[in-house]
Amino acid sequence: MTVRATKRSAGLLLFRHTDEGQEVLLGHMGGPFFAKRDAGAWTVPKGEYEPDEPAWEAARREFQEELGLAPPDGEAVPLGEVVQSNGKIVTAWAIEADLDPASVNPGTFRMEWPPRSGRIQEFPELDRVAWLGLGRAREVIITAQAAFLGRLAEHSG
């Protein structure tokens, strides 16, 4: 019997305060599977890491890889962990910061597309990022990650 290690991801959830209330920066997952989806296709900018890498360091590295921008400095608010429906454990921190989504230069990944075609294509990790109010963010974020929004609201409340 083969034992598969649980995959882990870590990420940074940027937030800011506007006249309309608190907003968070989420990314829409790139690639053909999510191209036409909205609900459940938005995520905290995050990525996988190995057990020997500290989660905080992975979160900062992955922010840079996913968005092509240096992670912001500032007080990091631990948002804990969630377990997604695929079994992946995601750890996140919130940082109050502002950035222009137009400045994002996302990393890419390669996959065979269309399936069984033998053609390898490259897609952006995140095909767009946007500032969303907490209500809208709850509607579109990966279901398990909605807990991060609640924890951020409690911290900010």
C-alpha atoms as a PDB file:
ATOM      1  CA  MET A   1       0.000   0.000   0.000  1.00  0.00           C
ATOM      2  CA  THR A   2       1.368   3.424  -0.979  1.00  0.00           C
ATOM      3  CA  VAL A   3       0.870   6.246   1.489  1.00  0.00           C
ATOM      4  CA  ARG A   4       0.499   9.591  -0.226  1.00  0.00           C
ATOM      5  CA  ALA A   5       1.615  12.635   1.696  1.00  0.00           C
ATOM      6  CA  THR A   6      -0.998  15.296   2.213  1.00  0.00           C
ATOM      7  CA  LYS A   7      -0.354  18.269  -0.034  1.00  0.00           C
ATOM      8  CA  ARG A   8       0.096  21.591   1.722  1.00  0.00           C
ATOM      9  CA  SER A   9      -0.183  25.116   0.388  1.00  0.00           C
ATOM     10  CA  ALA A  10       0.506  28.472   1.991  1.00  0.00           C
ATOM     11  CA  GLY A  11      -0.569  31.934   0.953  1.00  0.00           C
ATOM     12  CA  LEU A  12      -1.043  35.600   1.745  1.00  0.00           C
ATOM     13  CA  LEU A  13      -4.449  37.290   1.781  1.00  0.00           C
ATOM     14  CA  LEU A  14      -4.034  41.018   1.233  1.00  0.00           C
ATOM     15  CA  PHE A  15      -6.748  43.281   2.612  1.00  0.00           C
ATOM     16  CA  ARG A  16      -7.489  46.993   2.568  1.00  0.00           C
ATOM     17  CA  HIS A  17     -10.113  49.355   3.906  1.00  0.00           C
ATOM     18  CA  THR A  18     -12.081  51.492   1.449  1.00  0.00           C
ATOM     19  CA  ASP A  19     -15.114  53.782   1.669  1.00  0.00           C
ATOM     20  CA  GLU A  20     -17.213  50.724   0.713  1.00  0.00           C
ATOM     21  CA  GLY A  21     -15.714  48.593   3.504  1.00  0.00           C
ATOM     22  CA  GLN A  22     -13.041  45.956   3.708  1.00  0.00           C
ATOM     23  CA  GLU A  23     -11.755  44.345   0.500  1.00  0.00           C
ATOM     24  CA  VAL A  24      -9.504  41.350  -0.120  1.00  0.00           C
ATOM     25  CA  LEU A  25      -7.250  40.568  -3.065  1.00  0.00           C
ATOM     26  CA  LEU A  26      -8.157  37.245  -4.682  1.00  0.00           C
ATOM     27  CA  GLY A  27      -6.896  35.529  -7.814  1.00  0.00           C
ATOM     28  CA  HIS A  28      -8.987  33.723 -10.424  1.00  0.00           C
ATOM     29  CA  MET A  29      -7.377  30.357 -11.162  1.00  0.00           C
ATOM     30  CA  GLY A  30      -5.946  30.136 -14.660  1.00  0.00           C
ATOM     31  CA  GLY A  31      -6.212  27.338 -17.180  1.00  0.00           C
ATOM     32  CA  PRO A  32      -9.027  25.760 -19.119  1.00  0.00           C
ATOM     33  CA  PHE A  33     -10.851  24.133 -16.174  1.00  0.00           C
ATOM     34  CA  PHE A  34     -11.711  27.485 -14.580  1.00  0.00           C
ATOM     35  CA  ALA A  35     -11.954  29.711 -17.664  1.00  0.00           C
ATOM     36  CA  LYS A  36     -15.762  29.926 -17.617  1.00  0.00           C
ATOM     37  CA  ARG A  37     -16.268  29.506 -13.855  1.00  0.00           C
ATOM     38  CA  ASP A  38     -16.680  32.229 -11.274  1.00  0.00           C
ATOM     39  CA  ALA A  39     -18.007  30.638  -8.077  1.00  0.00           C
ATOM     40  CA  GLY A  40     -15.343  28.421  -6.540  1.00  0.00           C
ATOM     41  CA  ALA A  41     -12.677  29.583  -9.005  1.00  0.00           C
ATOM     42  CA  TRP A  42     -11.143  32.384  -6.899  1.00  0.00           C
ATOM     43  CA  THR A  43      -8.397  31.779  -4.359  1.00  0.00           C
ATOM     44  CA  VAL A  44      -5.971  33.305  -1.922  1.00  0.00           C
ATOM     45  CA  PRO A  45      -2.671  33.636  -3.836  1.00  0.00           C
ATOM     46  CA  LYS A  46      -0.919  30.490  -2.611  1.00  0.00           C
ATOM     47  CA  GLY A  47       1.120  27.500  -3.623  1.00  0.00           C
ATOM     48  CA  GLU A  48       2.406  24.133  -2.532  1.00  0.00           C
ATOM     49  CA  TYR A  49       5.459  23.601  -0.399  1.00  0.00           C
ATOM     50  CA  GLU A  50       7.516  20.711   0.948  1.00  0.00           C
ATOM     51  CA  PRO A  51       7.403  19.644   4.626  1.00  0.00           C
ATOM     52  CA  ASP A  52      10.911  20.966   5.298  1.00  0.00           C
ATOM     53  CA  GLU A  53      10.010  24.542   4.240  1.00  0.00           C
ATOM     54  CA  PRO A  54       8.377  26.780   6.858  1.00  0.00           C
ATOM     55  CA  ALA A  55       4.812  27.688   5.807  1.00  0.00           C
ATOM     56  CA  TRP A  56       5.427  31.428   6.298  1.00  0.00           C
ATOM     57  CA  GLU A  57       8.429  31.365   3.959  1.00  0.00           C
ATOM     58  CA  ALA A  58       6.421  29.349   1.423  1.00  0.00           C
ATOM     59  CA  ALA A  59       3.546  31.857   1.590  1.00  0.00           C
ATOM     60  CA  ARG A  60       5.907  34.733   0.779  1.00  0.00           C
ATOM     61  CA  ARG A  61       7.683  32.781  -1.987  1.00  0.00           C
ATOM     62  CA  GLU A  62       4.422  31.696  -3.555  1.00  0.00           C
ATOM     63  CA  PHE A  63       3.022  35.254  -3.471  1.00  0.00           C
ATOM     64  CA  GLN A  64       6.049  36.299  -5.541  1.00  0.00           C
ATOM     65  CA  GLU A  65       5.649  33.338  -7.928  1.00  0.00           C
ATOM     66  CA  GLU A  66       1.872  33.680  -8.329  1.00  0.00           C
ATOM     67  CA  LEU A  67       1.725  37.472  -8.732  1.00  0.00           C
ATOM     68  CA  GLY A  68       5.199  38.368  -9.951  1.00  0.00           C
ATOM     69  CA  LEU A  69       5.461  40.960  -7.159  1.00  0.00           C
ATOM     70  CA  ALA A  70       7.402  41.053  -3.907  1.00  0.00           C
ATOM     71  CA  PRO A  71       5.214  40.158  -0.937  1.00  0.00           C
ATOM     72  CA  PRO A  72       4.305  43.229   1.116  1.00  0.00           C
ATOM     73  CA  ASP A  73       5.754  43.931   4.510  1.00  0.00           C
ATOM     74  CA  GLY A  74       3.474  44.583   7.441  1.00  0.00           C
ATOM     75  CA  GLU A  75       1.876  42.813  10.346  1.00  0.00           C
ATOM     76  CA  ALA A  76       0.979  39.263   9.342  1.00  0.00           C
ATOM     77  CA  VAL A  77      -2.292  38.116  10.877  1.00  0.00           C
ATOM     78  CA  PRO A  78      -2.357  34.289  11.123  1.00  0.00           C
ATOM     79  CA  LEU A  79      -5.594  32.940   9.640  1.00  0.00           C
ATOM     80  CA  GLY A  80      -4.834  29.303  10.458  1.00  0.00           C
ATOM     81  CA  GLU A  81      -5.503  26.312   8.239  1.00  0.00           C
ATOM     82  CA  VAL A  82      -8.381  24.917   6.214  1.00  0.00           C
ATOM     83  CA  VAL A  83      -8.757  21.568   4.474  1.00  0.00           C
ATOM     84  CA  GLN A  84     -10.074  21.839   0.923  1.00  0.00           C
ATOM     85  CA  SER A  85     -12.371  19.242  -0.642  1.00  0.00           C
ATOM     86  CA  ASN A  86      -9.353  17.741  -2.456  1.00  0.00           C
ATOM     87  CA  GLY A  87      -7.698  17.101   0.928  1.00  0.00           C
ATOM     88  CA  LYS A  88      -5.067  19.823   0.521  1.00  0.00           C
ATOM     89  CA  ILE A  89      -4.266  21.733   3.721  1.00  0.00           C
ATOM     90  CA  VAL A  90      -3.993  25.484   3.143  1.00  0.00           C
ATOM     91  CA  THR A  91      -2.377  27.866   5.644  1.00  0.00           C
ATOM     92  CA  ALA A  92      -2.828  31.624   5.221  1.00  0.00           C
ATOM     93  CA  TRP A  93      -1.856  34.958   6.708  1.00  0.00           C
ATOM     94  CA  ALA A  94      -3.539  38.306   6.113  1.00  0.00           C
ATOM     95  CA  ILE A  95      -1.527  41.474   5.544  1.00  0.00           C
ATOM     96  CA  GLU A  96      -2.970  44.963   5.180  1.00  0.00           C
ATOM     97  CA  ALA A  97      -1.539  46.346   1.938  1.00  0.00           C
ATOM     98  CA  ASP A  98      -2.594  47.870  -1.340  1.00  0.00           C
ATOM     99  CA  LEU A  99      -1.477  46.987  -4.837  1.00  0.00           C
ATOM    100  CA  ASP A 100      -2.688  47.659  -8.338  1.00  0.00           C
ATOM    101  CA  PRO A 101      -4.011  44.436  -9.926  1.00  0.00           C
ATOM    102  CA  ALA A 102      -2.743  45.731 -13.291  1.00  0.00           C
ATOM    103  CA  SER A 103       0.828  45.401 -11.949  1.00  0.00           C
ATOM    104  CA  VAL A 104       0.490  41.637 -11.506  1.00  0.00           C
ATOM    105  CA  ASN A 105       2.650  39.453 -13.753  1.00  0.00           C
ATOM    106  CA  PRO A 106       1.499  35.908 -12.939  1.00  0.00           C
ATOM    107  CA  GLY A 107       3.587  32.789 -13.086  1.00  0.00           C
ATOM    108  CA  THR A 108       2.587  30.034 -15.500  1.00  0.00           C
ATOM    109  CA  PHE A 109       2.124  26.283 -15.569  1.00  0.00           C
ATOM    110  CA  ARG A 110       2.201  23.758 -18.405  1.00  0.00           C
ATOM    111  CA  MET A 111      -0.275  20.980 -19.069  1.00  0.00           C
ATOM    112  CA  GLU A 112      -1.494  18.786 -21.883  1.00  0.00           C
ATOM    113  CA  TRP A 113      -4.469  20.518 -23.488  1.00  0.00           C
ATOM    114  CA  PRO A 114      -6.788  19.397 -24.908  1.00  0.00           C
ATOM    115  CA  PRO A 115      -6.628  16.130 -22.937  1.00  0.00           C
ATOM    116  CA  ARG A 116      -4.893  13.246 -24.730  1.00  0.00           C
ATOM    117  CA  SER A 117      -3.918  15.586 -27.604  1.00  0.00           C
ATOM    118  CA  GLY A 118      -0.183  15.372 -26.997  1.00  0.00           C
ATOM    119  CA  ARG A 119      -0.083  19.196 -27.111  1.00  0.00           C
ATOM    120  CA  ILE A 120       1.508  20.938 -24.128  1.00  0.00           C
ATOM    121  CA  GLN A 121       0.205  24.449 -23.519  1.00  0.00           C
ATOM    122  CA  GLU A 122       1.166  27.115 -21.009  1.00  0.00           C
ATOM    123  CA  PHE A 123      -1.420  28.893 -18.851  1.00  0.00           C
ATOM    124  CA  PRO A 124      -1.195  31.620 -16.194  1.00  0.00           C
ATOM    125  CA  GLU A 125      -1.415  30.380 -12.580  1.00  0.00           C
ATOM    126  CA  LEU A 126      -3.922  33.192 -12.009  1.00  0.00           C
ATOM    127  CA  ASP A 127      -5.563  34.706 -15.080  1.00  0.00           C
ATOM    128  CA  ARG A 128      -6.682  37.806 -13.173  1.00  0.00           C
ATOM    129  CA  VAL A 129      -6.654  39.290  -9.700  1.00  0.00           C
ATOM    130  CA  ALA A 130      -9.150  41.688  -8.195  1.00  0.00           C
ATOM    131  CA  TRP A 131     -10.087  43.511  -5.028  1.00  0.00           C
ATOM    132  CA  LEU A 132     -13.437  42.162  -3.828  1.00  0.00           C
ATOM    133  CA  GLY A 133     -15.658  43.168  -0.941  1.00  0.00           C
ATOM    134  CA  LEU A 134     -16.078  40.429   1.660  1.00  0.00           C
ATOM    135  CA  GLY A 135     -19.633  39.600   0.504  1.00  0.00           C
ATOM    136  CA  ARG A 136     -18.620  39.152  -3.119  1.00  0.00           C
ATOM    137  CA  ALA A 137     -15.443  37.294  -2.086  1.00  0.00           C
ATOM    138  CA  ARG A 138     -17.530  34.771  -0.096  1.00  0.00           C
ATOM    139  CA  GLU A 139     -19.598  34.081  -3.244  1.00  0.00           C
ATOM    140  CA  VAL A 140     -16.631  33.195  -5.448  1.00  0.00           C
ATOM    141  CA  ILE A 141     -13.788  31.902  -3.237  1.00  0.00           C
ATOM    142  CA  ILE A 142     -13.018  28.181  -2.962  1.00  0.00           C
ATOM    143  CA  THR A 143     -15.544  26.969  -0.383  1.00  0.00           C
ATOM    144  CA  ALA A 144     -13.071  25.933   2.328  1.00  0.00           C
ATOM    145  CA  GLN A 145     -11.126  29.188   1.998  1.00  0.00           C
ATOM    146  CA  ALA A 146     -14.216  31.212   2.978  1.00  0.00           C
ATOM    147  CA  ALA A 147     -13.191  30.432   6.574  1.00  0.00           C
ATOM    148  CA  PHE A 148     -10.193  32.750   6.047  1.00  0.00           C
ATOM    149  CA  LEU A 149     -12.580  35.619   5.238  1.00  0.00           C
ATOM    150  CA  GLY A 150     -14.534  35.002   8.439  1.00  0.00           C
ATOM    151  CA  ARG A 151     -11.348  34.879  10.508  1.00  0.00           C
ATOM    152  CA  LEU A 152     -10.136  38.122   8.916  1.00  0.00           C
ATOM    153  CA  ALA A 153     -13.474  39.816   9.640  1.00  0.00           C
ATOM    154  CA  GLU A 154     -13.262  38.674  13.293  1.00  0.00           C
ATOM    155  CA  HIS A 155      -9.736  40.060  13.578  1.00  0.00           C
ATOM    156  CA  SER A 156     -10.718  43.366  11.986  1.00  0.00           C
ATOM    157  CA  GLY A 157     -14.052  43.599  13.812  1.00  0.00           C
END
